[in-house]
Amino acid sequence: MAKKKQIGRRVEGWKAKSWYKVYTPDNIGKAYIGDTVANEPEKLMGRVITTQLSDIASDYSKQHVKMKFSITSVGGDAAYTDFIGHEVTRDYIRSLIKRRTSRIDAIVSFVTQDGRKARLTVTCFTLSRANDSQQHEIRRLLIDETLALGTSSDLNLLVNGIITGDISKEFFKKTKEIFPTRRVEIIKSKVELPKKV
C-alpha cells in the first residue's frame, strides 16, 4: 500500500508542473531547441540548456559544437534564453591533433563593446612542429587579434562570427603567414549574463 501512495504523490507532483518551449535569442534566429518543465515560471530562470549547433543551424557538419544558453525570461508557455557560451567536443579536437605538429592555445578575457564579459579559447593547429619562438609569436598574434575583435564588437556580432566560422577563417589567414597552419578554431567561449539593475 505504501508504494501505491508514493507513486500517486509523484503523479500529482508532475500534474502540477507545466511544460515550456525553449527558444534561442533573436540574434540566433529565435530557434526552438526543446522543452523544459517547472511548477513555477520563476524556477526556470538561470536554467542552462545545451544543444548542438547542427540543430540550430540545420547543418550536420556543425554537430561537434555544443551551444549553451541560460533562460532569462518566460512568456506564456515559452522560455527565452541568452547565449552563455559554446564548446567544441573533445573528439573533434583530437581529430585535429596529428603527430609531430603543434597545438597552440590562447585564452583571452575581455569586455565587449556592449559591456558583456567574455572569455574565448582560440587554438591553432599547425601542419608541422613549430619551435618555441614560433609558438610564442602565434600565441601573441591570437591574443592581440582576439582582444582587438572582442573589445570592438558587440556580443551579437561576436557570436555570429563564432557560429559562421568567419573569425576562425580570419585568424587562420594571419597565423599561416607566421607558420604553416592546419586550422584555427575557437574551441570554447564563456559569456557572463548582464547584471540585473
C-alpha atoms as a PDB file:
ATOM      1  CA  MET A   1       0.000   0.000   0.000  1.00  0.00           C
ATOM      2  CA  ALA A   2       2.799   2.410   0.859  1.00  0.00           C
ATOM      3  CA  LYS A   3       4.281   2.015  -2.622  1.00  0.00           C
ATOM      4  CA  LYS A   4       0.998   2.886  -4.321  1.00  0.00           C
ATOM      5  CA  LYS A   5       0.631   6.051  -2.266  1.00  0.00           C
ATOM      6  CA  GLN A   6       4.179   7.096  -3.127  1.00  0.00           C
ATOM      7  CA  ILE A   7       3.533   6.624  -6.839  1.00  0.00           C
ATOM      8  CA  GLY A   8       0.300   8.608  -6.513  1.00  0.00           C
ATOM      9  CA  ARG A   9       2.102  11.542  -4.926  1.00  0.00           C
ATOM     10  CA  ARG A  10       4.686  11.519  -7.695  1.00  0.00           C
ATOM     11  CA  VAL A  11       1.971  11.683 -10.366  1.00  0.00           C
ATOM     12  CA  GLU A  12       0.266  14.560  -8.564  1.00  0.00           C
ATOM     13  CA  GLY A  13       3.599  16.412  -8.465  1.00  0.00           C
ATOM     14  CA  TRP A  14       4.036  16.042 -12.233  1.00  0.00           C
ATOM     15  CA  LYS A  15       0.463  17.175 -12.872  1.00  0.00           C
ATOM     16  CA  ALA A  16       1.223  20.415 -11.033  1.00  0.00           C
ATOM     17  CA  LYS A  17       4.138  21.141 -13.402  1.00  0.00           C
ATOM     18  CA  SER A  18       3.968  22.850 -16.789  1.00  0.00           C
ATOM     19  CA  TRP A  19       5.997  22.351 -19.948  1.00  0.00           C
ATOM     20  CA  TYR A  20       7.719  25.308 -21.608  1.00  0.00           C
ATOM     21  CA  LYS A  21       9.137  25.573 -25.121  1.00  0.00           C
ATOM     22  CA  VAL A  22      12.696  26.942 -25.090  1.00  0.00           C
ATOM     23  CA  TYR A  23      13.998  29.330 -27.762  1.00  0.00           C
ATOM     24  CA  THR A  24      17.426  30.736 -28.646  1.00  0.00           C
ATOM     25  CA  PRO A  25      17.986  34.530 -28.600  1.00  0.00           C
ATOM     26  CA  ASP A  26      16.752  36.685 -31.501  1.00  0.00           C
ATOM     27  CA  ASN A  27      20.261  37.071 -32.962  1.00  0.00           C
ATOM     28  CA  ILE A  28      20.495  33.272 -33.312  1.00  0.00           C
ATOM     29  CA  GLY A  29      17.187  33.057 -35.129  1.00  0.00           C
ATOM     30  CA  LYS A  30      14.889  32.512 -32.130  1.00  0.00           C
ATOM     31  CA  ALA A  31      15.101  28.789 -32.877  1.00  0.00           C
ATOM     32  CA  TYR A  32      13.137  26.217 -30.894  1.00  0.00           C
ATOM     33  CA  ILE A  33      15.632  23.994 -29.030  1.00  0.00           C
ATOM     34  CA  GLY A  34      13.451  21.814 -26.820  1.00  0.00           C
ATOM     35  CA  ASP A  35      11.121  21.672 -23.835  1.00  0.00           C
ATOM     36  CA  THR A  36      11.658  22.003 -20.117  1.00  0.00           C
ATOM     37  CA  VAL A  37       9.365  21.547 -17.147  1.00  0.00           C
ATOM     38  CA  ALA A  38       8.743  23.531 -13.951  1.00  0.00           C
ATOM     39  CA  ASN A  39       5.929  24.067 -11.449  1.00  0.00           C
ATOM     40  CA  GLU A  40       6.554  27.842 -11.471  1.00  0.00           C
ATOM     41  CA  PRO A  41       7.958  30.048 -14.272  1.00  0.00           C
ATOM     42  CA  GLU A  42      10.353  31.707 -11.804  1.00  0.00           C
ATOM     43  CA  LYS A  43      12.106  28.381 -11.267  1.00  0.00           C
ATOM     44  CA  LEU A  44      13.169  28.344 -14.924  1.00  0.00           C
ATOM     45  CA  MET A  45      15.307  31.460 -14.534  1.00  0.00           C
ATOM     46  CA  GLY A  46      19.011  30.678 -14.898  1.00  0.00           C
ATOM     47  CA  ARG A  47      18.404  27.107 -16.067  1.00  0.00           C
ATOM     48  CA  VAL A  48      21.102  26.135 -18.583  1.00  0.00           C
ATOM     49  CA  ILE A  49      20.089  24.440 -21.841  1.00  0.00           C
ATOM     50  CA  THR A  50      22.720  22.746 -24.024  1.00  0.00           C
ATOM     51  CA  THR A  51      22.155  21.882 -27.670  1.00  0.00           C
ATOM     52  CA  GLN A  52      24.218  21.111 -30.768  1.00  0.00           C
ATOM     53  CA  LEU A  53      24.850  23.908 -33.247  1.00  0.00           C
ATOM     54  CA  SER A  54      23.826  21.498 -36.028  1.00  0.00           C
ATOM     55  CA  ASP A  55      20.256  21.502 -34.639  1.00  0.00           C
ATOM     56  CA  ILE A  56      20.089  25.309 -34.650  1.00  0.00           C
ATOM     57  CA  ALA A  57      21.796  25.889 -37.991  1.00  0.00           C
ATOM     58  CA  SER A  58      20.306  22.788 -39.704  1.00  0.00           C
ATOM     59  CA  ASP A  59      23.873  21.935 -40.720  1.00  0.00           C
ATOM     60  CA  TYR A  60      25.075  18.390 -39.882  1.00  0.00           C
ATOM     61  CA  SER A  61      28.734  19.448 -40.245  1.00  0.00           C
ATOM     62  CA  LYS A  62      28.405  21.532 -37.057  1.00  0.00           C
ATOM     63  CA  GLN A  63      27.357  18.682 -34.753  1.00  0.00           C
ATOM     64  CA  HIS A  64      30.705  18.882 -32.902  1.00  0.00           C
ATOM     65  CA  VAL A  65      29.807  22.317 -31.461  1.00  0.00           C
ATOM     66  CA  LYS A  66      27.785  22.418 -28.221  1.00  0.00           C
ATOM     67  CA  MET A  67      25.935  25.681 -27.584  1.00  0.00           C
ATOM     68  CA  LYS A  68      24.922  26.797 -24.077  1.00  0.00           C
ATOM     69  CA  PHE A  69      22.019  29.073 -23.263  1.00  0.00           C
ATOM     70  CA  SER A  70      20.571  30.337 -19.986  1.00  0.00           C
ATOM     71  CA  ILE A  71      16.844  31.017 -19.579  1.00  0.00           C
ATOM     72  CA  THR A  72      16.367  34.710 -18.808  1.00  0.00           C
ATOM     73  CA  SER A  73      12.636  35.328 -19.336  1.00  0.00           C
ATOM     74  CA  VAL A  74       9.322  33.478 -19.641  1.00  0.00           C
ATOM     75  CA  GLY A  75       6.189  34.485 -21.522  1.00  0.00           C
ATOM     76  CA  GLY A  76       3.172  32.172 -21.503  1.00  0.00           C
ATOM     77  CA  ASP A  77       4.457  28.685 -22.280  1.00  0.00           C
ATOM     78  CA  ALA A  78       7.665  29.979 -23.927  1.00  0.00           C
ATOM     79  CA  ALA A  79      11.075  30.365 -22.276  1.00  0.00           C
ATOM     80  CA  TYR A  80      13.614  32.735 -23.828  1.00  0.00           C
ATOM     81  CA  THR A  81      17.369  32.450 -23.448  1.00  0.00           C
ATOM     82  CA  ASP A  82      20.651  34.311 -23.622  1.00  0.00           C
ATOM     83  CA  PHE A  83      23.876  32.868 -25.083  1.00  0.00           C
ATOM     84  CA  ILE A  84      26.391  31.997 -22.353  1.00  0.00           C
ATOM     85  CA  GLY A  85      28.988  30.016 -24.275  1.00  0.00           C
ATOM     86  CA  HIS A  86      29.944  27.148 -26.522  1.00  0.00           C
ATOM     87  CA  GLU A  87      32.405  24.275 -26.557  1.00  0.00           C
ATOM     88  CA  VAL A  88      33.847  22.052 -29.275  1.00  0.00           C
ATOM     89  CA  THR A  89      33.719  18.321 -28.479  1.00  0.00           C
ATOM     90  CA  ARG A  90      36.920  16.553 -27.388  1.00  0.00           C
ATOM     91  CA  ASP A  91      36.581  14.005 -30.193  1.00  0.00           C
ATOM     92  CA  TYR A  92      36.688  16.779 -32.788  1.00  0.00           C
ATOM     93  CA  ILE A  93      39.743  18.400 -31.158  1.00  0.00           C
ATOM     94  CA  ARG A  94      41.517  15.020 -31.079  1.00  0.00           C
ATOM     95  CA  SER A  95      40.834  14.601 -34.799  1.00  0.00           C
ATOM     96  CA  LEU A  96      42.754  17.823 -35.490  1.00  0.00           C
ATOM     97  CA  ILE A  97      45.832  16.829 -33.480  1.00  0.00           C
ATOM     98  CA  LYS A  98      48.405  14.989 -35.582  1.00  0.00           C
ATOM     99  CA  ARG A  99      51.824  13.575 -34.715  1.00  0.00           C
ATOM    100  CA  ARG A 100      54.799  15.937 -35.000  1.00  0.00           C
ATOM    101  CA  THR A 101      52.590  19.027 -35.065  1.00  0.00           C
ATOM    102  CA  SER A 102      51.868  21.765 -32.527  1.00  0.00           C
ATOM    103  CA  ARG A 103      48.716  22.813 -30.745  1.00  0.00           C
ATOM    104  CA  ILE A 104      48.839  26.428 -29.568  1.00  0.00           C
ATOM    105  CA  ASP A 105      46.146  27.730 -27.174  1.00  0.00           C
ATOM    106  CA  ALA A 106      45.352  31.341 -26.347  1.00  0.00           C
ATOM    107  CA  ILE A 107      42.852  32.096 -23.569  1.00  0.00           C
ATOM    108  CA  VAL A 108      41.651  35.688 -23.748  1.00  0.00           C
ATOM    109  CA  SER A 109      39.281  37.615 -21.449  1.00  0.00           C
ATOM    110  CA  PHE A 110      37.732  40.931 -22.468  1.00  0.00           C
ATOM    111  CA  VAL A 111      34.627  43.106 -22.274  1.00  0.00           C
ATOM    112  CA  THR A 112      32.606  43.520 -25.476  1.00  0.00           C
ATOM    113  CA  GLN A 113      31.540  46.893 -26.812  1.00  0.00           C
ATOM    114  CA  ASP A 114      28.097  46.436 -25.243  1.00  0.00           C
ATOM    115  CA  GLY A 115      29.588  45.644 -21.828  1.00  0.00           C
ATOM    116  CA  ARG A 116      29.460  41.833 -21.717  1.00  0.00           C
ATOM    117  CA  LYS A 117      32.341  39.984 -20.043  1.00  0.00           C
ATOM    118  CA  ALA A 118      33.588  37.156 -22.242  1.00  0.00           C
ATOM    119  CA  ARG A 119      36.421  34.639 -22.439  1.00  0.00           C
ATOM    120  CA  LEU A 120      37.478  32.820 -25.612  1.00  0.00           C
ATOM    121  CA  THR A 121      39.860  29.911 -26.030  1.00  0.00           C
ATOM    122  CA  VAL A 122      41.397  30.104 -29.500  1.00  0.00           C
ATOM    123  CA  THR A 123      43.500  27.192 -30.720  1.00  0.00           C
ATOM    124  CA  CYS A 124      45.878  26.951 -33.651  1.00  0.00           C
ATOM    125  CA  PHE A 125      46.763  23.530 -35.097  1.00  0.00           C
ATOM    126  CA  THR A 126      49.948  23.555 -37.212  1.00  0.00           C
ATOM    127  CA  LEU A 127      50.956  21.324 -40.122  1.00  0.00           C
ATOM    128  CA  SER A 128      54.346  20.519 -38.586  1.00  0.00           C
ATOM    129  CA  ARG A 129      56.035  21.118 -35.259  1.00  0.00           C
ATOM    130  CA  ALA A 130      56.702  24.798 -34.537  1.00  0.00           C
ATOM    131  CA  ASN A 131      59.630  25.856 -32.379  1.00  0.00           C
ATOM    132  CA  ASP A 132      59.175  27.834 -29.135  1.00  0.00           C
ATOM    133  CA  SER A 133      59.621  31.280 -30.695  1.00  0.00           C
ATOM    134  CA  GLN A 134      57.145  30.490 -33.488  1.00  0.00           C
ATOM    135  CA  GLN A 135      54.604  29.199 -30.970  1.00  0.00           C
ATOM    136  CA  HIS A 136      55.101  32.324 -28.865  1.00  0.00           C
ATOM    137  CA  GLU A 137      54.577  34.545 -31.927  1.00  0.00           C
ATOM    138  CA  ILE A 138      51.394  32.695 -32.939  1.00  0.00           C
ATOM    139  CA  ARG A 139      50.009  32.836 -29.383  1.00  0.00           C
ATOM    140  CA  ARG A 140      50.752  36.574 -29.186  1.00  0.00           C
ATOM    141  CA  LEU A 141      49.008  37.123 -32.537  1.00  0.00           C
ATOM    142  CA  LEU A 142      45.911  35.169 -31.412  1.00  0.00           C
ATOM    143  CA  ILE A 143      45.722  37.122 -28.128  1.00  0.00           C
ATOM    144  CA  ASP A 144      46.129  40.510 -29.840  1.00  0.00           C
ATOM    145  CA  GLU A 145      43.607  39.730 -32.604  1.00  0.00           C
ATOM    146  CA  THR A 146      41.043  38.308 -30.160  1.00  0.00           C
ATOM    147  CA  LEU A 147      41.350  41.320 -27.853  1.00  0.00           C
ATOM    148  CA  ALA A 148      41.020  43.778 -30.743  1.00  0.00           C
ATOM    149  CA  LEU A 149      37.995  41.971 -32.171  1.00  0.00           C
ATOM    150  CA  GLY A 150      36.291  41.313 -28.835  1.00  0.00           C
ATOM    151  CA  THR A 151      36.544  44.859 -27.474  1.00  0.00           C
ATOM    152  CA  SER A 152      35.406  46.444 -30.754  1.00  0.00           C
ATOM    153  CA  SER A 153      32.397  44.124 -31.328  1.00  0.00           C
ATOM    154  CA  ASP A 154      29.067  43.747 -29.585  1.00  0.00           C
ATOM    155  CA  LEU A 155      28.072  40.293 -28.352  1.00  0.00           C
ATOM    156  CA  ASN A 156      25.739  39.596 -31.296  1.00  0.00           C
ATOM    157  CA  LEU A 157      28.487  40.212 -33.839  1.00  0.00           C
ATOM    158  CA  LEU A 158      30.914  38.079 -31.859  1.00  0.00           C
ATOM    159  CA  VAL A 159      28.517  35.127 -31.516  1.00  0.00           C
ATOM    160  CA  ASN A 160      27.629  35.228 -35.208  1.00  0.00           C
ATOM    161  CA  GLY A 161      31.328  35.232 -36.083  1.00  0.00           C
ATOM    162  CA  ILE A 162      31.867  32.145 -33.921  1.00  0.00           C
ATOM    163  CA  ILE A 163      28.853  30.298 -35.376  1.00  0.00           C
ATOM    164  CA  THR A 164      29.700  31.014 -39.025  1.00  0.00           C
ATOM    165  CA  GLY A 165      33.408  30.333 -38.508  1.00  0.00           C
ATOM    166  CA  ASP A 166      34.307  33.736 -40.006  1.00  0.00           C
ATOM    167  CA  ILE A 167      36.504  34.682 -37.033  1.00  0.00           C
ATOM    168  CA  SER A 168      38.449  31.425 -37.249  1.00  0.00           C
ATOM    169  CA  LYS A 169      38.985  31.932 -41.003  1.00  0.00           C
ATOM    170  CA  GLU A 170      40.398  35.436 -40.456  1.00  0.00           C
ATOM    171  CA  PHE A 171      42.729  34.221 -37.710  1.00  0.00           C
ATOM    172  CA  PHE A 172      43.837  31.322 -39.942  1.00  0.00           C
ATOM    173  CA  LYS A 173      44.892  33.711 -42.722  1.00  0.00           C
ATOM    174  CA  LYS A 174      47.110  35.618 -40.289  1.00  0.00           C
ATOM    175  CA  THR A 175      48.687  32.650 -38.476  1.00  0.00           C
ATOM    176  CA  LYS A 176      49.702  30.917 -41.708  1.00  0.00           C
ATOM    177  CA  GLU A 177      51.858  33.957 -42.527  1.00  0.00           C
ATOM    178  CA  ILE A 178      53.921  33.060 -39.439  1.00  0.00           C
ATOM    179  CA  PHE A 179      53.914  29.267 -39.787  1.00  0.00           C
ATOM    180  CA  PRO A 180      52.127  26.606 -41.924  1.00  0.00           C
ATOM    181  CA  THR A 181      48.767  26.145 -40.202  1.00  0.00           C
ATOM    182  CA  ARG A 182      46.233  23.317 -40.476  1.00  0.00           C
ATOM    183  CA  ARG A 183      43.340  25.063 -38.749  1.00  0.00           C
ATOM    184  CA  VAL A 184      42.361  27.731 -36.221  1.00  0.00           C
ATOM    185  CA  GLU A 185      39.317  27.094 -34.032  1.00  0.00           C
ATOM    186  CA  ILE A 186      37.562  28.960 -31.245  1.00  0.00           C
ATOM    187  CA  ILE A 187      37.170  25.809 -29.166  1.00  0.00           C
ATOM    188  CA  LYS A 188      35.435  27.398 -26.178  1.00  0.00           C
ATOM    189  CA  SER A 189      33.651  30.568 -25.137  1.00  0.00           C
ATOM    190  CA  LYS A 190      32.092  31.761 -21.926  1.00  0.00           C
ATOM    191  CA  VAL A 191      29.909  34.858 -21.591  1.00  0.00           C
ATOM    192  CA  GLU A 192      28.569  36.350 -18.379  1.00  0.00           C
ATOM    193  CA  LEU A 193      24.903  37.281 -18.271  1.00  0.00           C
ATOM    194  CA  PRO A 194      24.230  41.020 -17.919  1.00  0.00           C
ATOM    195  CA  LYS A 195      23.780  42.135 -14.325  1.00  0.00           C
ATOM    196  CA  LYS A 196      20.222  42.955 -13.351  1.00  0.00           C
ATOM    197  CA  VAL A 197      19.713  46.574 -12.400  1.00  0.00           C
END
